[in-house]
Amino acid sequence: MKQYGPDAADLARRAVEAYEAAVAPPAEVLAKTFGLIRVRRTAFVADSVAYVFERRQTPFGERCRAFRVTDHPKPPPPPRFDPNHPERNPIPDRNPDLKPEVEYIDVSCSDRRMEPVVPGSLKTPVPRHL
């Protein structure tokens, strides 16, 4: 049987590579990273990894800049149920297709969850799920 186009395994591999490239920190962030903050998923917080790469002095003390990747963010809360007007209550829908969140954030430089990393030692992103 003649095969047209790439096989399923090749398509899956390419999809994973594209996803990993989309959530990977920039090379300059990896080179300057001196700490990692891993947050485990709870009922209120999604799991994430933050690459701490810059210190700065503010009027409120020392703050650090980090690049945070949240693979599976928490879904938004359901709409409020109104018992007085049942006809206005929306029917619950399936969860929306949540995209990974990639953002720059400010964190405390003395965060107790920070794991020290030798600057310049990270060449590839760290595993996000341990």
N, C-alpha and C. Protein backbone atom coordinates (compact mmCIF):
# COMPACT_ATOMS: atom_id res chain seq x y z
N MET A 1 0.84 -1.17 0.00
CA MET A 1 0.00 0.00 0.00
C MET A 1 0.89 1.24 0.00
N LYS A 2 0.57 2.18 -0.84
CA LYS A 2 1.37 3.40 -0.96
C LYS A 2 0.95 4.39 0.14
N GLN A 3 1.97 4.99 0.75
CA GLN A 3 1.70 5.95 1.82
C GLN A 3 1.83 7.37 1.26
N TYR A 4 0.86 8.21 1.57
CA TYR A 4 0.87 9.60 1.14
C TYR A 4 1.14 10.49 2.34
N GLY A 5 2.20 11.25 2.32
CA GLY A 5 2.52 12.17 3.41
C GLY A 5 3.18 11.46 4.58
N PRO A 6 3.45 12.19 5.64
CA PRO A 6 4.13 11.62 6.81
C PRO A 6 3.21 10.68 7.59
N ASP A 7 3.81 9.76 8.32
CA ASP A 7 3.01 8.83 9.12
C ASP A 7 2.58 9.50 10.43
N ALA A 8 1.74 8.82 11.19
CA ALA A 8 1.18 9.40 12.42
C ALA A 8 2.26 9.66 13.47
N ALA A 9 3.23 8.77 13.58
CA ALA A 9 4.29 8.96 14.58
C ALA A 9 5.12 10.20 14.26
N ASP A 10 5.39 10.43 12.97
CA ASP A 10 6.14 11.61 12.57
C ASP A 10 5.35 12.89 12.84
N LEU A 11 4.05 12.86 12.58
CA LEU A 11 3.20 14.02 12.86
C LEU A 11 3.15 14.31 14.36
N ALA A 12 3.03 13.26 15.17
CA ALA A 12 3.01 13.45 16.63
C ALA A 12 4.32 14.02 17.13
N ARG A 13 5.44 13.51 16.63
CA ARG A 13 6.76 14.01 17.03
C ARG A 13 6.90 15.49 16.67
N ARG A 14 6.46 15.86 15.46
CA ARG A 14 6.55 17.26 15.05
C ARG A 14 5.65 18.16 15.89
N ALA A 15 4.48 17.66 16.27
CA ALA A 15 3.57 18.45 17.11
C ALA A 15 4.18 18.68 18.49
N VAL A 16 4.80 17.64 19.07
CA VAL A 16 5.44 17.78 20.38
C VAL A 16 6.61 18.76 20.29
N GLU A 17 7.42 18.66 19.25
CA GLU A 17 8.55 19.58 19.08
C GLU A 17 8.07 21.03 18.93
N ALA A 18 7.01 21.24 18.18
CA ALA A 18 6.47 22.60 18.01
C ALA A 18 5.94 23.14 19.33
N TYR A 19 5.27 22.30 20.12
CA TYR A 19 4.75 22.72 21.42
C TYR A 19 5.89 23.08 22.36
N GLU A 20 6.91 22.22 22.42
CA GLU A 20 8.05 22.47 23.30
C GLU A 20 8.78 23.76 22.89
N ALA A 21 8.88 24.02 21.61
CA ALA A 21 9.53 25.25 21.15
C ALA A 21 8.71 26.47 21.53
N ALA A 22 7.38 26.34 21.55
CA ALA A 22 6.52 27.47 21.88
C ALA A 22 6.59 27.84 23.36
N VAL A 23 6.81 26.87 24.23
CA VAL A 23 6.83 27.16 25.68
C VAL A 23 8.25 27.24 26.24
N ALA A 24 9.25 27.08 25.41
CA ALA A 24 10.64 27.14 25.88
C ALA A 24 11.04 28.59 26.14
N PRO A 25 11.81 28.83 27.20
CA PRO A 25 12.30 30.19 27.44
C PRO A 25 13.32 30.60 26.38
N PRO A 26 13.44 31.90 26.12
CA PRO A 26 14.45 32.37 25.17
C PRO A 26 15.87 31.98 25.63
N ALA A 27 16.78 31.88 24.69
CA ALA A 27 18.16 31.46 25.00
C ALA A 27 18.83 32.41 25.99
N GLU A 28 18.57 33.72 25.86
CA GLU A 28 19.22 34.67 26.79
C GLU A 28 18.69 34.50 28.22
N VAL A 29 17.43 34.09 28.37
CA VAL A 29 16.89 33.82 29.71
C VAL A 29 17.55 32.57 30.28
N LEU A 30 17.69 31.52 29.48
CA LEU A 30 18.35 30.30 29.94
C LEU A 30 19.79 30.59 30.36
N ALA A 31 20.49 31.43 29.60
CA ALA A 31 21.89 31.72 29.91
C ALA A 31 22.04 32.49 31.21
N LYS A 32 21.06 33.34 31.55
CA LYS A 32 21.17 34.17 32.76
C LYS A 32 20.43 33.59 33.96
N THR A 33 19.76 32.46 33.81
CA THR A 33 18.97 31.88 34.90
C THR A 33 19.87 31.50 36.08
N PHE A 34 19.51 32.00 37.27
CA PHE A 34 20.25 31.63 38.48
C PHE A 34 19.36 30.94 39.51
N GLY A 35 18.08 30.72 39.16
CA GLY A 35 17.18 30.03 40.08
C GLY A 35 15.95 29.52 39.37
N LEU A 36 15.38 28.45 39.90
CA LEU A 36 14.14 27.88 39.38
C LEU A 36 13.11 27.86 40.51
N ILE A 37 11.89 28.21 40.19
CA ILE A 37 10.79 28.10 41.16
C ILE A 37 9.76 27.18 40.54
N ARG A 38 9.58 26.01 41.18
CA ARG A 38 8.57 25.05 40.72
C ARG A 38 7.36 25.13 41.63
N VAL A 39 6.20 25.24 41.05
CA VAL A 39 4.95 25.29 41.81
C VAL A 39 4.14 24.06 41.44
N ARG A 40 3.73 23.30 42.45
CA ARG A 40 2.91 22.10 42.23
C ARG A 40 1.45 22.47 42.14
N ARG A 41 0.70 21.73 41.37
CA ARG A 41 -0.73 21.97 41.18
C ARG A 41 -1.48 21.67 42.48
N THR A 42 -2.38 22.60 42.83
CA THR A 42 -3.29 22.41 43.96
C THR A 42 -4.70 22.70 43.46
N ALA A 43 -5.65 22.74 44.37
CA ALA A 43 -7.02 23.06 43.98
C ALA A 43 -7.14 24.51 43.51
N PHE A 44 -6.20 25.36 43.92
CA PHE A 44 -6.29 26.79 43.61
C PHE A 44 -5.21 27.30 42.67
N VAL A 45 -4.13 26.56 42.50
CA VAL A 45 -2.98 27.04 41.73
C VAL A 45 -2.58 25.98 40.70
N ALA A 46 -2.30 26.41 39.48
CA ALA A 46 -1.82 25.49 38.44
C ALA A 46 -0.32 25.26 38.62
N ASP A 47 0.19 24.12 38.14
CA ASP A 47 1.62 23.87 38.25
C ASP A 47 2.37 24.70 37.22
N SER A 48 3.58 25.12 37.59
CA SER A 48 4.37 25.96 36.70
C SER A 48 5.85 25.87 37.06
N VAL A 49 6.68 26.36 36.13
CA VAL A 49 8.12 26.49 36.35
C VAL A 49 8.49 27.92 36.00
N ALA A 50 9.21 28.58 36.92
CA ALA A 50 9.68 29.95 36.67
C ALA A 50 11.21 29.96 36.63
N TYR A 51 11.77 30.54 35.57
CA TYR A 51 13.21 30.69 35.42
C TYR A 51 13.57 32.09 35.91
N VAL A 52 14.22 32.19 37.07
CA VAL A 52 14.58 33.49 37.65
C VAL A 52 15.92 33.91 37.03
N PHE A 53 15.93 35.10 36.38
CA PHE A 53 17.12 35.46 35.61
C PHE A 53 17.64 36.87 35.85
N GLU A 54 16.99 37.69 36.63
CA GLU A 54 17.44 39.08 36.76
C GLU A 54 17.08 39.62 38.15
N ARG A 55 18.03 40.31 38.79
CA ARG A 55 17.78 40.98 40.07
C ARG A 55 17.68 42.48 39.82
N ARG A 56 16.79 43.13 40.56
CA ARG A 56 16.72 44.59 40.47
C ARG A 56 16.30 45.17 41.81
N GLN A 57 16.80 46.34 42.08
CA GLN A 57 16.50 47.03 43.33
C GLN A 57 15.30 47.95 43.10
N THR A 58 14.29 47.85 43.96
CA THR A 58 13.11 48.71 43.89
C THR A 58 12.99 49.46 45.22
N PRO A 59 12.13 50.46 45.29
CA PRO A 59 11.94 51.16 46.57
C PRO A 59 11.42 50.24 47.68
N PHE A 60 10.86 49.09 47.29
CA PHE A 60 10.31 48.16 48.28
C PHE A 60 11.25 47.00 48.58
N GLY A 61 12.46 47.04 48.08
CA GLY A 61 13.43 45.98 48.32
C GLY A 61 13.88 45.34 47.02
N GLU A 62 14.59 44.25 47.15
CA GLU A 62 15.11 43.56 45.97
C GLU A 62 14.03 42.66 45.37
N ARG A 63 13.82 42.76 44.07
CA ARG A 63 12.86 41.94 43.34
C ARG A 63 13.60 41.23 42.21
N CYS A 64 13.08 40.10 41.80
CA CYS A 64 13.67 39.34 40.70
C CYS A 64 12.67 39.21 39.57
N ARG A 65 13.20 39.11 38.37
CA ARG A 65 12.38 38.93 37.17
C ARG A 65 12.48 37.46 36.79
N ALA A 66 11.35 36.87 36.38
CA ALA A 66 11.32 35.46 36.02
C ALA A 66 10.47 35.23 34.78
N PHE A 67 10.78 34.18 34.08
CA PHE A 67 10.02 33.73 32.92
C PHE A 67 9.27 32.48 33.37
N ARG A 68 7.93 32.56 33.40
CA ARG A 68 7.12 31.45 33.95
C ARG A 68 6.36 30.75 32.83
N VAL A 69 6.37 29.41 32.90
CA VAL A 69 5.63 28.56 31.96
C VAL A 69 4.60 27.77 32.76
N THR A 70 3.33 27.95 32.41
CA THR A 70 2.24 27.19 33.03
C THR A 70 1.60 26.37 31.92
N ASP A 71 1.87 25.05 31.93
CA ASP A 71 1.37 24.17 30.87
C ASP A 71 -0.15 24.09 30.82
N HIS A 72 -0.75 23.84 31.95
CA HIS A 72 -2.19 23.62 32.00
C HIS A 72 -2.82 24.57 33.02
N PRO A 73 -3.15 25.80 32.58
CA PRO A 73 -3.72 26.77 33.53
C PRO A 73 -5.09 26.32 34.01
N LYS A 74 -5.48 26.84 35.17
CA LYS A 74 -6.79 26.51 35.74
C LYS A 74 -7.89 27.11 34.86
N PRO A 75 -9.00 26.40 34.68
CA PRO A 75 -10.10 26.95 33.88
C PRO A 75 -10.80 28.09 34.62
N PRO A 76 -11.48 28.96 33.91
CA PRO A 76 -12.19 30.04 34.58
C PRO A 76 -13.35 29.47 35.40
N PRO A 77 -13.80 30.21 36.43
CA PRO A 77 -14.90 29.70 37.24
C PRO A 77 -16.19 29.63 36.44
N PRO A 78 -17.10 28.75 36.84
CA PRO A 78 -18.38 28.67 36.12
C PRO A 78 -19.21 29.92 36.38
N PRO A 79 -20.17 30.22 35.53
CA PRO A 79 -21.01 31.40 35.76
C PRO A 79 -21.83 31.22 37.03
N ARG A 80 -22.17 32.35 37.63
CA ARG A 80 -22.93 32.33 38.88
C ARG A 80 -24.35 31.85 38.62
N PHE A 81 -24.83 30.97 39.50
CA PHE A 81 -26.19 30.45 39.40
C PHE A 81 -27.14 31.42 40.08
N ASP A 82 -28.21 31.80 39.40
CA ASP A 82 -29.20 32.72 39.95
C ASP A 82 -30.48 31.94 40.22
N PRO A 83 -30.78 31.62 41.50
CA PRO A 83 -31.97 30.82 41.79
C PRO A 83 -33.28 31.57 41.53
N ASN A 84 -33.22 32.90 41.48
CA ASN A 84 -34.44 33.68 41.26
C ASN A 84 -34.87 33.71 39.80
N HIS A 85 -33.95 33.47 38.90
CA HIS A 85 -34.24 33.50 37.46
C HIS A 85 -33.63 32.27 36.80
N PRO A 86 -34.24 31.10 36.97
CA PRO A 86 -33.64 29.89 36.40
C PRO A 86 -33.54 29.91 34.88
N GLU A 87 -34.39 30.68 34.21
CA GLU A 87 -34.35 30.73 32.75
C GLU A 87 -33.10 31.45 32.24
N ARG A 88 -32.47 32.25 33.09
CA ARG A 88 -31.27 33.00 32.69
C ARG A 88 -29.98 32.23 32.97
N ASN A 89 -30.08 31.14 33.69
CA ASN A 89 -28.88 30.39 34.04
C ASN A 89 -28.33 29.66 32.82
N PRO A 90 -27.05 29.87 32.54
CA PRO A 90 -26.47 29.20 31.37
C PRO A 90 -26.29 27.70 31.63
N ILE A 91 -26.37 26.96 30.57
CA ILE A 91 -26.11 25.52 30.66
C ILE A 91 -24.60 25.34 30.68
N PRO A 92 -24.08 24.56 31.65
CA PRO A 92 -22.62 24.37 31.70
C PRO A 92 -22.11 23.77 30.40
N ASP A 93 -21.01 24.32 29.93
CA ASP A 93 -20.40 23.87 28.69
C ASP A 93 -19.13 23.10 29.04
N ARG A 94 -18.54 22.47 28.06
CA ARG A 94 -17.27 21.77 28.30
C ARG A 94 -16.18 22.79 28.59
N ASN A 95 -15.12 22.33 29.17
CA ASN A 95 -14.01 23.23 29.47
C ASN A 95 -13.45 23.81 28.19
N PRO A 96 -13.08 25.09 28.22
CA PRO A 96 -12.49 25.69 27.02
C PRO A 96 -11.12 25.07 26.73
N ASP A 97 -10.69 25.20 25.50
CA ASP A 97 -9.37 24.72 25.11
C ASP A 97 -8.34 25.69 25.68
N LEU A 98 -7.73 25.33 26.80
CA LEU A 98 -6.81 26.22 27.49
C LEU A 98 -5.41 26.08 26.91
N LYS A 99 -4.84 27.19 26.51
CA LYS A 99 -3.49 27.21 25.97
C LYS A 99 -2.49 27.40 27.11
N PRO A 100 -1.25 26.96 26.94
CA PRO A 100 -0.25 27.21 27.98
C PRO A 100 0.00 28.70 28.15
N GLU A 101 0.28 29.10 29.38
CA GLU A 101 0.59 30.51 29.65
C GLU A 101 2.10 30.66 29.75
N VAL A 102 2.63 31.61 29.02
CA VAL A 102 4.06 31.93 29.03
C VAL A 102 4.14 33.42 29.30
N GLU A 103 4.80 33.79 30.42
CA GLU A 103 4.79 35.20 30.81
C GLU A 103 6.03 35.56 31.63
N TYR A 104 6.32 36.86 31.65
CA TYR A 104 7.37 37.39 32.51
C TYR A 104 6.70 37.91 33.77
N ILE A 105 7.25 37.55 34.95
CA ILE A 105 6.66 37.96 36.21
C ILE A 105 7.74 38.49 37.14
N ASP A 106 7.34 39.20 38.18
CA ASP A 106 8.24 39.63 39.24
C ASP A 106 8.02 38.72 40.43
N VAL A 107 9.12 38.25 41.02
CA VAL A 107 9.05 37.37 42.19
C VAL A 107 10.00 37.90 43.26
N SER A 108 9.83 37.41 44.47
CA SER A 108 10.74 37.78 45.54
C SER A 108 12.06 37.05 45.35
N CYS A 109 13.16 37.76 45.51
CA CYS A 109 14.48 37.13 45.35
C CYS A 109 14.78 36.17 46.50
N SER A 110 14.03 36.29 47.60
CA SER A 110 14.25 35.41 48.74
C SER A 110 13.16 34.34 48.86
N ASP A 111 12.52 34.02 47.75
CA ASP A 111 11.46 32.99 47.76
C ASP A 111 12.07 31.67 48.23
N ARG A 112 11.44 31.06 49.23
CA ARG A 112 11.99 29.82 49.80
C ARG A 112 11.89 28.64 48.85
N ARG A 113 11.06 28.74 47.81
CA ARG A 113 10.92 27.64 46.84
C ARG A 113 11.98 27.68 45.76
N MET A 114 12.81 28.73 45.71
CA MET A 114 13.79 28.88 44.64
C MET A 114 14.92 27.87 44.79
N GLU A 115 15.17 27.12 43.71
CA GLU A 115 16.29 26.19 43.65
C GLU A 115 17.44 26.91 42.96
N PRO A 116 18.61 26.99 43.60
CA PRO A 116 19.73 27.68 42.94
C PRO A 116 20.23 26.91 41.72
N VAL A 117 20.61 27.67 40.70
CA VAL A 117 21.16 27.12 39.46
C VAL A 117 22.39 27.95 39.10
N VAL A 118 23.43 27.30 38.64
CA VAL A 118 24.63 28.02 38.21
C VAL A 118 24.31 28.74 36.90
N PRO A 119 24.48 30.08 36.86
CA PRO A 119 24.20 30.81 35.61
C PRO A 119 25.01 30.27 34.45
N GLY A 120 24.35 30.07 33.32
CA GLY A 120 25.01 29.55 32.14
C GLY A 120 25.00 28.03 32.04
N SER A 121 24.54 27.34 33.09
CA SER A 121 24.57 25.87 33.06
C SER A 121 23.37 25.26 32.34
N LEU A 122 22.28 26.02 32.20
CA LEU A 122 21.11 25.49 31.50
C LEU A 122 21.26 25.70 30.00
N LYS A 123 21.28 24.63 29.25
CA LYS A 123 21.37 24.72 27.78
C LYS A 123 20.01 24.40 27.15
N THR A 124 19.18 23.62 27.86
CA THR A 124 17.84 23.27 27.40
C THR A 124 16.86 23.52 28.55
N PRO A 125 15.59 23.69 28.26
CA PRO A 125 14.60 23.88 29.35
C PRO A 125 14.56 22.66 30.27
N VAL A 126 14.26 22.93 31.54
CA VAL A 126 14.15 21.84 32.51
C VAL A 126 12.82 21.12 32.33
N PRO A 127 12.74 19.86 32.74
CA PRO A 127 11.44 19.16 32.67
C PRO A 127 10.41 19.89 33.53
N ARG A 128 9.23 20.08 32.99
CA ARG A 128 8.21 20.82 33.73
C ARG A 128 7.43 19.95 34.71
N HIS A 129 7.47 18.65 34.52
CA HIS A 129 6.70 17.74 35.39
C HIS A 129 7.66 16.76 36.03
N LEU A 130 7.73 16.81 37.34
CA LEU A 130 8.60 15.86 38.05
C LEU A 130 7.77 14.92 38.88
